Amino acid sequence: MTPDQFQEPRWARFLFTSQAAAWLWLIVRLYMASVWLPAGIEKVTSGEWLFGDGSAISGLVGKAIADPGTPSWYASFLQSVVVPNAGLFATLVAIGELAVGLGLLLGLLTGIAAFFGVFMNANYVLSGVLSSNPVLIVLGALVMLAWRNAGWIGLDRLFIPWVHRTFYAGTDGDAAPPKAS
């Protein structure tokens, strides 16, 4: 049997491709958005996170560097990259949380929003902040797997076909993007 002959189990086809499961993914997306969006709004409107000196994240980063449980490679990354650029990273966190929350709420670029949510949650866990981050990592990974129907009840239902019509020649779905001249 070759990979193109393999057929997914019925439960996987239901979860990751059926329109009926889109309602389940809507509930998951709304839960995730209810975590990301308020956190992002709070950071963006607080005046401490955007384009500042980075003091908003310095406490968390300092604890992570000092914690013996933090992987040494990650502590080294924090010390050599994040600390000198703390203002930039604080801004990226605030805007990133807001963007992930909006993407999940609206169902726009849902798989990409879930990916960046998982990426940020993984960084929070590596920094020693557990909270709801492990749950959000699992849910985000599942939403990434279900990207085809996770945004079906949302703007992806309109946006993805528009991207296909606008940037892909042909109608067979396997067409390559147009060549640059």
Protein backbone atom coordinates (compact mmCIF):
# COMPACT_ATOMS: atom_id res chain seq x y z
CA MET A 1 0.00 0.00 0.00
CA THR A 2 1.35 3.42 -0.93
CA PRO A 3 0.68 6.61 1.05
CA ASP A 4 -1.80 7.91 -1.54
CA GLN A 5 -3.82 4.70 -1.15
CA PHE A 6 -4.07 5.00 2.64
CA GLN A 7 -7.46 6.12 3.89
CA GLU A 8 -7.89 7.83 7.23
CA PRO A 9 -10.14 6.24 9.83
CA ARG A 10 -13.74 7.40 9.79
CA TRP A 11 -13.34 9.35 13.06
CA ALA A 12 -10.37 11.29 11.64
CA ARG A 13 -12.26 12.13 8.44
CA PHE A 14 -15.16 13.34 10.58
CA LEU A 15 -13.04 15.49 12.91
CA PHE A 16 -10.71 16.96 10.34
CA THR A 17 -12.78 17.30 7.16
CA SER A 18 -16.52 17.25 7.86
CA GLN A 19 -18.67 20.35 7.98
CA ALA A 20 -20.60 18.85 10.91
CA ALA A 21 -17.42 18.84 13.03
CA ALA A 22 -16.95 22.53 12.24
CA TRP A 23 -19.38 23.22 15.10
CA LEU A 24 -17.08 21.36 17.51
CA TRP A 25 -14.11 23.38 16.25
CA LEU A 26 -16.11 26.57 16.65
CA ILE A 27 -16.54 25.79 20.35
CA VAL A 28 -12.81 25.02 20.70
CA ARG A 29 -11.90 28.21 18.81
CA LEU A 30 -14.20 30.35 20.94
CA TYR A 31 -12.73 28.90 24.13
CA MET A 32 -9.19 29.58 22.92
CA ALA A 33 -10.16 33.07 21.77
CA SER A 34 -11.66 33.73 25.22
CA VAL A 35 -8.20 33.15 26.67
CA TRP A 36 -6.08 34.90 24.02
CA LEU A 37 -8.20 37.94 23.24
CA PRO A 38 -8.58 39.40 26.76
CA ALA A 39 -4.88 38.79 27.43
CA GLY A 40 -3.93 40.57 24.21
CA ILE A 41 -6.34 43.46 24.75
CA GLU A 42 -5.06 43.95 28.29
CA LYS A 43 -1.45 44.05 27.12
CA VAL A 44 -2.11 46.35 24.15
CA THR A 45 -4.13 48.83 26.21
CA SER A 46 -2.00 48.79 29.38
CA GLY A 47 0.68 51.05 27.98
CA GLU A 48 3.43 48.83 29.39
CA TRP A 49 3.84 46.30 26.59
CA LEU A 50 3.85 48.23 23.32
CA PHE A 51 7.06 49.90 22.22
CA GLY A 52 8.37 50.20 25.76
CA ASP A 53 11.59 49.29 27.48
CA GLY A 54 10.58 45.67 28.01
CA SER A 55 10.09 45.93 31.75
CA ALA A 56 6.73 44.16 31.29
CA ILE A 57 8.47 40.86 30.47
CA SER A 58 11.75 41.31 32.35
CA GLY A 59 10.44 39.68 35.55
CA LEU A 60 9.22 36.57 33.76
CA VAL A 61 12.39 36.31 31.69
CA GLY A 62 14.61 36.84 34.74
CA LYS A 63 12.81 34.07 36.67
CA ALA A 64 13.08 31.71 33.71
CA ILE A 65 16.82 32.36 33.34
CA ALA A 66 17.43 31.78 37.08
CA ASP A 67 15.21 28.68 37.32
CA PRO A 68 17.30 25.47 37.22
CA GLY A 69 14.33 23.72 35.55
CA THR A 70 14.57 25.91 32.46
CA PRO A 71 16.41 24.08 29.66
CA SER A 72 19.91 25.53 29.32
CA TRP A 73 19.52 26.24 25.60
CA TYR A 74 16.34 28.20 26.29
CA ALA A 75 17.87 30.15 29.18
CA SER A 76 20.79 31.00 26.89
CA PHE A 77 18.36 32.19 24.19
CA LEU A 78 16.52 34.34 26.73
CA GLN A 79 19.77 35.82 28.05
CA SER A 80 21.39 36.55 24.70
CA VAL A 81 18.40 37.43 22.50
CA VAL A 82 15.32 38.33 24.55
CA VAL A 83 16.92 40.38 27.35
CA PRO A 84 18.76 42.78 25.00
CA ASN A 85 15.59 43.15 22.89
CA ALA A 86 13.00 43.01 25.67
CA GLY A 87 11.01 45.97 24.33
CA LEU A 88 10.62 44.33 20.93
CA PHE A 89 9.64 40.98 22.46
CA ALA A 90 7.09 42.63 24.78
CA THR A 91 5.51 44.31 21.75
CA LEU A 92 5.51 41.02 19.81
CA VAL A 93 3.83 39.22 22.73
CA ALA A 94 1.09 41.85 23.05
CA ILE A 95 0.34 42.07 19.34
CA GLY A 96 0.71 38.30 18.92
CA GLU A 97 -1.78 37.49 21.67
CA LEU A 98 -4.27 39.95 20.20
CA ALA A 99 -3.79 38.59 16.65
CA VAL A 100 -4.16 34.97 17.74
CA GLY A 101 -7.32 35.83 19.68
CA LEU A 102 -8.84 37.72 16.76
CA GLY A 103 -7.90 35.02 14.24
CA LEU A 104 -9.50 32.31 16.36
CA LEU A 105 -12.57 34.39 17.18
CA LEU A 106 -13.23 35.35 13.55
CA GLY A 107 -12.10 32.04 12.04
CA LEU A 108 -9.64 33.89 9.80
CA LEU A 109 -6.39 32.09 8.98
CA THR A 110 -7.44 29.69 11.72
CA GLY A 111 -4.64 27.15 11.28
CA ILE A 112 -2.00 29.88 11.24
CA ALA A 113 -3.49 31.56 14.33
CA ALA A 114 -3.50 28.19 16.12
CA PHE A 115 0.14 27.59 15.12
CA PHE A 116 1.28 30.90 16.58
CA GLY A 117 -0.83 30.27 19.68
CA VAL A 118 0.93 26.92 20.19
CA PHE A 119 4.29 28.61 19.58
CA MET A 120 3.62 31.27 22.22
CA ASN A 121 2.21 28.72 24.69
CA ALA A 122 5.31 26.55 24.24
CA ASN A 123 7.50 29.55 25.04
CA TYR A 124 5.44 30.30 28.15
CA VAL A 125 5.80 26.68 29.30
CA LEU A 126 9.56 26.75 28.64
CA SER A 127 9.67 29.92 30.76
CA GLY A 128 8.07 28.07 33.64
CA VAL A 129 4.48 29.36 33.34
CA LEU A 130 2.08 26.42 33.26
CA SER A 131 -1.39 27.88 33.89
CA SER A 132 -3.69 26.78 31.02
CA ASN A 133 -0.81 26.66 28.52
CA PRO A 134 -0.57 22.84 28.18
CA VAL A 135 -4.32 22.62 27.47
CA LEU A 136 -4.05 25.42 24.92
CA ILE A 137 -1.10 23.64 23.26
CA VAL A 138 -3.16 20.46 22.81
CA LEU A 139 -6.24 22.34 21.57
CA GLY A 140 -4.13 24.49 19.26
CA ALA A 141 -2.44 21.42 17.78
CA LEU A 142 -5.84 19.85 17.12
CA VAL A 143 -7.10 23.06 15.49
CA MET A 144 -3.98 23.07 13.29
CA LEU A 145 -4.79 19.51 12.19
CA ALA A 146 -8.39 20.53 11.51
CA TRP A 147 -7.46 23.70 9.63
CA ARG A 148 -9.66 22.76 6.66
CA ASN A 149 -12.86 22.83 8.66
CA ALA A 150 -11.91 24.61 11.91
CA GLY A 151 -12.57 27.97 10.24
CA TRP A 152 -15.54 26.82 8.17
CA ILE A 153 -17.89 28.64 10.54
CA GLY A 154 -15.90 31.83 10.17
CA LEU A 155 -14.17 34.01 7.63
CA ASP A 156 -11.95 31.19 6.31
CA ARG A 157 -15.02 29.88 4.50
CA LEU A 158 -14.84 33.00 2.31
CA PHE A 159 -11.15 33.84 2.51
CA ILE A 160 -9.62 30.51 1.48
CA PRO A 161 -11.69 30.19 -1.74
CA TRP A 162 -10.87 33.84 -2.55
CA VAL A 163 -7.14 33.13 -2.16
CA HIS A 164 -7.49 30.08 -4.36
CA ARG A 165 -9.38 31.97 -7.08
CA THR A 166 -7.04 34.95 -6.92
CA PHE A 167 -3.65 33.27 -6.78
CA TYR A 168 -4.06 29.82 -8.31
CA ALA A 169 -4.65 29.19 -12.00
CA GLY A 170 -7.03 26.45 -13.09
CA THR A 171 -9.90 24.81 -11.28
CA ASP A 172 -8.55 21.36 -10.42
CA GLY A 173 -7.30 22.35 -6.95
CA ASP A 174 -3.81 21.07 -7.68
CA ALA A 175 -2.80 23.95 -9.89
CA ALA A 176 0.44 25.71 -9.17
CA PRO A 177 0.55 29.39 -8.34
CA PRO A 178 1.07 31.67 -11.34
CA LYS A 179 4.67 32.20 -12.34
CA ALA A 180 6.23 35.59 -11.68
CA SER A 181 7.20 37.39 -14.87
